[in-house]
PDB file of N, CA and C in Angstrom:
ATOM      1  N   MET A   1      95.903  97.597 121.319  1.00  0.00           N
ATOM      2  CA  MET A   1      96.588  97.899 120.064  1.00  0.00           C
ATOM      3  C   MET A   1      95.954  99.149 119.352  1.00  0.00           C
ATOM      4  N   GLU A   2      96.775 100.015 119.041  1.00  0.00           N
ATOM      5  CA  GLU A   2      96.349 101.260 118.254  1.00  0.00           C
ATOM      6  C   GLU A   2      96.976 101.284 116.815  1.00  0.00           C
ATOM      7  N   LYS A   3      96.023 101.641 115.980  1.00  0.00           N
ATOM      8  CA  LYS A   3      96.309 101.732 114.604  1.00  0.00           C
ATOM      9  C   LYS A   3      97.123 102.950 114.197  1.00  0.00           C
ATOM     10  N   LEU A   4      98.111 102.966 113.435  1.00  0.00           N
ATOM     11  CA  LEU A   4      98.954 103.931 113.050  1.00  0.00           C
ATOM     12  C   LEU A   4      98.704 104.372 111.707  1.00  0.00           C
ATOM     13  N   LEU A   5      99.479 105.450 111.218  1.00  0.00           N
ATOM     14  CA  LEU A   5      99.236 105.898 109.955  1.00  0.00           C
ATOM     15  C   LEU A   5      97.922 106.337 109.594  1.00  0.00           C
ATOM     16  N   THR A   6      97.194 107.077 110.423  1.00  0.00           N
ATOM     17  CA  THR A   6      95.916 107.602 110.246  1.00  0.00           C
ATOM     18  C   THR A   6      95.714 109.082 109.797  1.00  0.00           C
ATOM     19  N   ASP A   7      96.768 109.773 109.402  1.00  0.00           N
ATOM     20  CA  ASP A   7      96.782 111.120 108.950  1.00  0.00           C
ATOM     21  C   ASP A   7      96.814 111.040 107.459  1.00  0.00           C
ATOM     22  N   SER A   8      95.736 111.421 106.654  1.00  0.00           N
ATOM     23  CA  SER A   8      95.653 111.391 105.398  1.00  0.00           C
ATOM     24  C   SER A   8      96.517 112.215 104.537  1.00  0.00           C
ATOM     25  N   ALA A   9      97.205 113.224 105.260  1.00  0.00           N
ATOM     26  CA  ALA A   9      98.062 114.274 104.630  1.00  0.00           C
ATOM     27  C   ALA A   9      99.583 113.629 104.472  1.00  0.00           C
ATOM     28  N   ILE A  10      99.811 112.677 105.197  1.00  0.00           N
ATOM     29  CA  ILE A  10     101.294 112.096 105.421  1.00  0.00           C
ATOM     30  C   ILE A  10     101.198 110.671 104.503  1.00  0.00           C
ATOM     31  N   TYR A  11     101.862 110.813 103.457  1.00  0.00           N
ATOM     32  CA  TYR A  11     102.009 109.471 102.629  1.00  0.00           C
ATOM     33  C   TYR A  11     103.048 108.501 103.353  1.00  0.00           C
ATOM     34  N   PRO A  12     102.711 107.393 103.580  1.00  0.00           N
ATOM     35  CA  PRO A  12     103.562 106.434 104.231  1.00  0.00           C
ATOM     36  C   PRO A  12     104.814 105.945 103.353  1.00  0.00           C
ATOM     37  N   ASP A  13     105.812 106.844 103.160  1.00  0.00           N
ATOM     38  CA  ASP A  13     106.992 106.341 102.515  1.00  0.00           C
ATOM     39  C   ASP A  13     107.883 105.560 103.455  1.00  0.00           C
ATOM     40  N   SER A  14     108.956 105.066 103.115  1.00  0.00           N
ATOM     41  CA  SER A  14     109.866 104.244 103.889  1.00  0.00           C
ATOM     42  C   SER A  14     110.184 104.861 105.315  1.00  0.00           C
ATOM     43  N   SER A  15     110.491 106.192 105.221  1.00  0.00           N
ATOM     44  CA  SER A  15     110.839 106.888 106.599  1.00  0.00           C
ATOM     45  C   SER A  15     109.827 107.023 107.511  1.00  0.00           C
ATOM     46  N   VAL A  16     108.611 107.116 106.969  1.00  0.00           N
ATOM     47  CA  VAL A  16     107.442 107.267 107.954  1.00  0.00           C
ATOM     48  C   VAL A  16     107.069 105.902 108.390  1.00  0.00           C
ATOM     49  N   ILE A  17     107.128 104.854 107.679  1.00  0.00           N
ATOM     50  CA  ILE A  17     106.998 103.347 108.054  1.00  0.00           C
ATOM     51  C   ILE A  17     107.992 102.974 109.077  1.00  0.00           C
ATOM     52  N   LYS A  18     109.291 103.400 108.817  1.00  0.00           N
ATOM     53  CA  LYS A  18     110.319 103.028 109.712  1.00  0.00           C
ATOM     54  C   LYS A  18     110.015 103.690 111.028  1.00  0.00           C
ATOM     55  N   GLN A  19     109.698 104.845 111.078  1.00  0.00           N
ATOM     56  CA  GLN A  19     109.382 105.485 112.347  1.00  0.00           C
ATOM     57  C   GLN A  19     108.183 104.779 113.117  1.00  0.00           C
ATOM     58  N   ALA A  20     107.180 104.310 112.245  1.00  0.00           N
ATOM     59  CA  ALA A  20     105.914 103.888 112.969  1.00  0.00           C
ATOM     60  C   ALA A  20     106.382 102.443 113.524  1.00  0.00           C
ATOM     61  N   LEU A  21     107.093 101.643 112.767  1.00  0.00           N
ATOM     62  CA  LEU A  21     107.318 100.296 113.102  1.00  0.00           C
ATOM     63  C   LEU A  21     108.523  99.927 114.049  1.00  0.00           C
ATOM     64  N   ARG A  22     109.391 100.985 114.128  1.00  0.00           N
ATOM     65  CA  ARG A  22     110.514 100.914 114.933  1.00  0.00           C
ATOM     66  C   ARG A  22     111.244  99.582 114.927  1.00  0.00           C
ATOM     67  N   ASN A  23     110.975  98.705 115.973  1.00  0.00           N
ATOM     68  CA  ASN A  23     111.678  97.548 116.006  1.00  0.00           C
ATOM     69  C   ASN A  23     111.251  96.332 115.000  1.00  0.00           C
ATOM     70  N   HIS A  24     110.114  96.616 114.260  1.00  0.00           N
ATOM     71  CA  HIS A  24     109.557  95.603 113.365  1.00  0.00           C
ATOM     72  C   HIS A  24     109.888  95.970 111.816  1.00  0.00           C
ATOM     73  N   TYR A  25     110.616  97.120 111.802  1.00  0.00           N
ATOM     74  CA  TYR A  25     110.859  97.559 110.402  1.00  0.00           C
ATOM     75  C   TYR A  25     111.579  96.500 109.370  1.00  0.00           C
ATOM     76  N   GLU A  26     112.522  95.867 109.916  1.00  0.00           N
ATOM     77  CA  GLU A  26     113.200  94.854 109.245  1.00  0.00           C
ATOM     78  C   GLU A  26     112.413  93.619 108.838  1.00  0.00           C
ATOM     79  N   ARG A  27     111.400  93.209 109.481  1.00  0.00           N
ATOM     80  CA  ARG A  27     110.478  92.366 109.236  1.00  0.00           C
ATOM     81  C   ARG A  27     109.564  92.713 107.987  1.00  0.00           C
ATOM     82  N   TYR A  28     109.203  94.132 108.119  1.00  0.00           N
ATOM     83  CA  TYR A  28     108.386  94.755 107.119  1.00  0.00           C
ATOM     84  C   TYR A  28     109.104  94.665 105.800  1.00  0.00           C
ATOM     85  N   GLU A  29     110.420  95.096 105.789  1.00  0.00           N
ATOM     86  CA  GLU A  29     111.228  95.148 104.407  1.00  0.00           C
ATOM     87  C   GLU A  29     111.398  93.693 103.940  1.00  0.00           C
ATOM     88  N   LYS A  30     111.654  92.802 104.800  1.00  0.00           N
ATOM     89  CA  LYS A  30     111.686  91.343 104.344  1.00  0.00           C
ATOM     90  C   LYS A  30     110.550  90.902 103.643  1.00  0.00           C
ATOM     91  N   PHE A  31     109.361  91.184 104.390  1.00  0.00           N
ATOM     92  CA  PHE A  31     108.038  90.947 103.752  1.00  0.00           C
ATOM     93  C   PHE A  31     107.781  91.653 102.332  1.00  0.00           C
ATOM     94  N   ILE A  32     108.130  92.844 102.259  1.00  0.00           N
ATOM     95  CA  ILE A  32     107.889  93.626 100.872  1.00  0.00           C
ATOM     96  C   ILE A  32     108.846  93.079  99.919  1.00  0.00           C
ATOM     97  N   GLU A  33     110.032  92.665 100.298  1.00  0.00           N
ATOM     98  CA  GLU A  33     110.959  92.065  99.367  1.00  0.00           C
ATOM     99  C   GLU A  33     110.378  90.720  98.932  1.00  0.00           C
ATOM    100  N   ALA A  34     109.834  89.857  99.750  1.00  0.00           N
ATOM    101  CA  ALA A  34     109.435  88.590  99.349  1.00  0.00           C
ATOM    102  C   ALA A  34     108.261  88.842  98.453  1.00  0.00           C
ATOM    103  N   VAL A  35     107.385  89.723  98.688  1.00  0.00           N
ATOM    104  CA  VAL A  35     106.140  89.918  97.798  1.00  0.00           C
ATOM    105  C   VAL A  35     106.707  90.334  96.470  1.00  0.00           C
ATOM    106  N   SER A  36     107.524  91.285  96.446  1.00  0.00           N
ATOM    107  CA  SER A  36     108.118  91.603  95.009  1.00  0.00           C
ATOM    108  C   SER A  36     108.781  90.519  94.413  1.00  0.00           C
ATOM    109  N   ALA A  37     109.374  89.670  95.080  1.00  0.00           N
ATOM    110  CA  ALA A  37     109.995  88.479  94.414  1.00  0.00           C
ATOM    111  C   ALA A  37     109.058  87.356  93.829  1.00  0.00           C
ATOM    112  N   LYS A  38     107.920  87.567  94.433  1.00  0.00           N
ATOM    113  CA  LYS A  38     106.747  86.657  94.060  1.00  0.00           C
ATOM    114  C   LYS A  38     105.965  87.308  92.817  1.00  0.00           C
ATOM    115  N   GLY A  39     106.443  88.497  92.454  1.00  0.00           N
ATOM    116  CA  GLY A  39     105.703  89.142  91.300  1.00  0.00           C
ATOM    117  C   GLY A  39     104.334  89.923  91.702  1.00  0.00           C
ATOM    118  N   LEU A  40     104.211  90.127  93.046  1.00  0.00           N
ATOM    119  CA  LEU A  40     103.166  90.798  93.633  1.00  0.00           C
ATOM    120  C   LEU A  40     103.531  92.246  93.781  1.00  0.00           C
ATOM    121  N   SER A  41     102.438  93.132  93.840  1.00  0.00           N
ATOM    122  CA  SER A  41     102.654  94.658  93.892  1.00  0.00           C
ATOM    123  C   SER A  41     102.101  94.952  95.400  1.00  0.00           C
ATOM    124  N   ALA A  42     102.799  96.064  95.989  1.00  0.00           N
ATOM    125  CA  ALA A  42     102.330  96.667  97.078  1.00  0.00           C
ATOM    126  C   ALA A  42     101.980  98.145  96.801  1.00  0.00           C
ATOM    127  N   GLU A  43     100.671  98.527  97.047  1.00  0.00           N
ATOM    128  CA  GLU A  43     100.384  99.893  96.853  1.00  0.00           C
ATOM    129  C   GLU A  43      99.540 100.458  98.001  1.00  0.00           C
ATOM    130  N   TRP A  44     100.198 101.573  98.596  1.00  0.00           N
ATOM    131  CA  TRP A  44      99.747 102.180  99.547  1.00  0.00           C
ATOM    132  C   TRP A  44      98.547 103.329  99.210  1.00  0.00           C
ATOM    133  N   ARG A  45      97.400 103.187 100.072  1.00  0.00           N
ATOM    134  CA  ARG A  45      96.288 104.099  99.686  1.00  0.00           C
ATOM    135  C   ARG A  45      95.585 104.457 100.980  1.00  0.00           C
ATOM    136  N   TYR A  46      95.017 105.624 101.065  1.00  0.00           N
ATOM    137  CA  TYR A  46      94.268 106.196 102.209  1.00  0.00           C
ATOM    138  C   TYR A  46      92.827 105.750 102.132  1.00  0.00           C
ATOM    139  N   TYR A  47      92.170 105.196 103.031  1.00  0.00           N
ATOM    140  CA  TYR A  47      90.808 104.698 102.970  1.00  0.00           C
ATOM    141  C   TYR A  47      90.165 105.379 104.080  1.00  0.00           C
ATOM    142  N   ASN A  48      88.985 106.158 103.562  1.00  0.00           N
ATOM    143  CA  ASN A  48      88.266 107.002 104.521  1.00  0.00           C
ATOM    144  C   ASN A  48      87.436 106.031 105.467  1.00  0.00           C
ATOM    145  N   ASP A  49      86.933 104.888 105.102  1.00  0.00           N
ATOM    146  CA  ASP A  49      86.272 104.188 105.781  1.00  0.00           C
ATOM    147  C   ASP A  49      86.932 103.575 107.096  1.00  0.00           C
ATOM    148  N   SER A  50      88.065 103.361 106.997  1.00  0.00           N
ATOM    149  CA  SER A  50      88.956 102.859 108.002  1.00  0.00           C
ATOM    150  C   SER A  50      89.657 103.989 108.800  1.00  0.00           C
ATOM    151  N   LYS A  51      89.711 105.159 107.948  1.00  0.00           N
ATOM    152  CA  LYS A  51      90.573 106.298 108.360  1.00  0.00           C
ATOM    153  C   LYS A  51      91.898 106.055 108.718  1.00  0.00           C
ATOM    154  N   SER A  52      92.611 105.259 107.552  1.00  0.00           N
ATOM    155  CA  SER A  52      93.899 104.955 107.911  1.00  0.00           C
ATOM    156  C   SER A  52      94.671 104.650 106.484  1.00  0.00           C
ATOM    157  N   TRP A  53      95.829 104.471 106.382  1.00  0.00           N
ATOM    158  CA  TRP A  53      96.508 104.083 105.189  1.00  0.00           C
ATOM    159  C   TRP A  53      96.533 102.570 105.248  1.00  0.00           C
ATOM    160  N   LEU A  54      96.354 101.927 104.065  1.00  0.00           N
ATOM    161  CA  LEU A  54      96.429 100.390 104.044  1.00  0.00           C
ATOM    162  C   LEU A  54      97.247 100.202 102.662  1.00  0.00           C
ATOM    163  N   CYS A  55      98.033  99.003 102.914  1.00  0.00           N
ATOM    164  CA  CYS A  55      98.703  98.563 101.702  1.00  0.00           C
ATOM    165  C   CYS A  55      98.013  97.500 101.089  1.00  0.00           C
ATOM    166  N   ARG A  56      97.660  97.573  99.810  1.00  0.00           N
ATOM    167  CA  ARG A  56      97.148  96.501  99.081  1.00  0.00           C
ATOM    168  C   ARG A  56      98.248  95.510  98.454  1.00  0.00           C
ATOM    169  N   ILE A  57      98.262  94.365  98.724  1.00  0.00           N
ATOM    170  CA  ILE A  57      99.159  93.448  98.266  1.00  0.00           C
ATOM    171  C   ILE A  57      98.364  92.649  97.041  1.00  0.00           C
ATOM    172  N   ALA A  58      98.738  92.843  95.800  1.00  0.00           N
ATOM    173  CA  ALA A  58      97.818  92.135  94.908  1.00  0.00           C
ATOM    174  C   ALA A  58      98.751  91.505  93.586  1.00  0.00           C
ATOM    175  N   GLY A  59      98.265  90.488  92.918  1.00  0.00           N
ATOM    176  CA  GLY A  59      98.917  89.989  91.890  1.00  0.00           C
ATOM    177  C   GLY A  59      97.838  90.323  90.668  1.00  0.00           C
ATOM    178  N   ARG A  60      98.410  91.139  89.756  1.00  0.00           N
ATOM    179  CA  ARG A  60      97.489  91.555  88.658  1.00  0.00           C
ATOM    180  C   ARG A  60      96.541  92.347  89.312  1.00  0.00           C
ATOM    181  N   LYS A  61      95.282  92.085  89.068  1.00  0.00           N
ATOM    182  CA  LYS A  61      94.144  92.705  89.715  1.00  0.00           C
ATOM    183  C   LYS A  61      93.456  92.070  90.906  1.00  0.00           C
ATOM    184  N   LYS A  62      93.996  91.022  91.220  1.00  0.00           N
ATOM    185  CA  LYS A  62      93.395  90.144  92.415  1.00  0.00           C
ATOM    186  C   LYS A  62      94.063  90.640  93.756  1.00  0.00           C
ATOM    187  N   THR A  63      93.463  91.038  94.610  1.00  0.00           N
ATOM    188  CA  THR A  63      93.893  91.340  96.029  1.00  0.00           C
ATOM    189  C   THR A  63      94.389  90.028  96.899  1.00  0.00           C
ATOM    190  N   VAL A  64      95.524  89.956  97.319  1.00  0.00           N
ATOM    191  CA  VAL A  64      95.942  88.861  98.061  1.00  0.00           C
ATOM    192  C   VAL A  64      95.860  89.083  99.394  1.00  0.00           C
ATOM    193  N   CYS A  65      96.129  90.302  99.980  1.00  0.00           N
ATOM    194  CA  CYS A  65      95.989  90.636 101.406  1.00  0.00           C
ATOM    195  C   CYS A  65      96.101  92.114 101.555  1.00  0.00           C
ATOM    196  N   TRP A  66      95.780  92.624 102.763  1.00  0.00           N
ATOM    197  CA  TRP A  66      95.850  93.944 103.041  1.00  0.00           C
ATOM    198  C   TRP A  66      96.875  94.141 104.252  1.00  0.00           C
ATOM    199  N   LEU A  67      97.700  95.227 104.219  1.00  0.00           N
ATOM    200  CA  LEU A  67      98.679  95.328 105.452  1.00  0.00           C
ATOM    201  C   LEU A  67      98.318  96.657 106.102  1.00  0.00           C
ATOM    202  N   SER A  68      98.267  96.517 107.371  1.00  0.00           N
ATOM    203  CA  SER A  68      98.091  97.888 108.213  1.00  0.00           C
ATOM    204  C   SER A  68      99.005  97.943 109.305  1.00  0.00           C
ATOM    205  N   VAL A  69      99.444  99.148 109.770  1.00  0.00           N
ATOM    206  CA  VAL A  69     100.549  99.261 110.707  1.00  0.00           C
ATOM    207  C   VAL A  69      99.864  99.649 112.153  1.00  0.00           C
ATOM    208  N   TRP A  70     100.374  99.032 113.004  1.00  0.00           N
ATOM    209  CA  TRP A  70      99.875  99.197 114.386  1.00  0.00           C
ATOM    210  C   TRP A  70     101.000  99.495 115.367  1.00  0.00           C
ATOM    211  N   ASP A  71     100.665  99.911 116.481  1.00  0.00           N
ATOM    212  CA  ASP A  71     101.796 100.200 117.453  1.00  0.00           C
ATOM    213  C   ASP A  71     102.485  98.954 117.792  1.00  0.00           C
ATOM    214  N   THR A  72     102.001  97.722 117.726  1.00  0.00           N
ATOM    215  CA  THR A  72     102.706  96.650 118.048  1.00  0.00           C
ATOM    216  C   THR A  72     103.419  95.816 116.870  1.00  0.00           C
ATOM    217  N   GLY A  73     103.273  96.439 115.644  1.00  0.00           N
ATOM    218  CA  GLY A  73     103.851  95.762 114.392  1.00  0.00           C
ATOM    219  C   GLY A  73     102.948  96.008 113.271  1.00  0.00           C
ATOM    220  N   PHE A  74     103.074  95.097 112.326  1.00  0.00           N
ATOM    221  CA  PHE A  74     102.153  95.351 111.177  1.00  0.00           C
ATOM    222  C   PHE A  74     101.154  94.103 111.133  1.00  0.00           C
ATOM    223  N   LYS A  75      99.970  94.104 110.521  1.00  0.00           N
ATOM    224  CA  LYS A  75      99.154  93.163 110.470  1.00  0.00           C
ATOM    225  C   LYS A  75      98.672  92.906 109.048  1.00  0.00           C
ATOM    226  N   LEU A  76      98.511  91.635 108.796  1.00  0.00           N
ATOM    227  CA  LEU A  76      98.177  91.184 107.450  1.00  0.00           C
ATOM    228  C   LEU A  76      96.647  90.574 107.477  1.00  0.00           C
ATOM    229  N   THR A  77      95.825  91.065 106.612  1.00  0.00           N
ATOM    230  CA  THR A  77      94.456  90.502 106.615  1.00  0.00           C
ATOM    231  C   THR A  77      94.104  89.927 105.354  1.00  0.00           C
ATOM    232  N   PHE A  78      93.648  88.704 105.400  1.00  0.00           N
ATOM    233  CA  PHE A  78      93.278  87.828 104.118  1.00  0.00           C
ATOM    234  C   PHE A  78      91.776  87.673 103.985  1.00  0.00           C
ATOM    235  N   TYR A  79      91.253  87.730 102.908  1.00  0.00           N
ATOM    236  CA  TYR A  79      89.806  87.484 102.569  1.00  0.00           C
ATOM    237  C   TYR A  79      89.603  86.423 101.752  1.00  0.00           C
ATOM    238  N   PHE A  80      88.989  85.197 102.024  1.00  0.00           N
ATOM    239  CA  PHE A  80      88.905  84.261 101.105  1.00  0.00           C
ATOM    240  C   PHE A  80      87.510  84.118 100.692  1.00  0.00           C
ATOM    241  N   THR A  81      87.173  84.058  99.287  1.00  0.00           N
ATOM    242  CA  THR A  81      85.859  84.070  98.748  1.00  0.00           C
ATOM    243  C   THR A  81      85.257  82.574  98.504  1.00  0.00           C
TER     244      THR A  81
END
């Protein structure tokens, strides 16, 4: 697996994400729609420690999960305290 969206100069808008995800873009769209329907927000930001763009899914100020884009699809990472 290879992580995509690693160029800090290219913001991951819908066209960039569609090109990166290819066959999995419809699943990504459905996931983002479900996130919005639940009142959660999705915010893309470049992180130097991971050298890639990550999408923070949050409810108010609490992070629910992180979304990253890979060559095989997208991955959700959950952290439980």
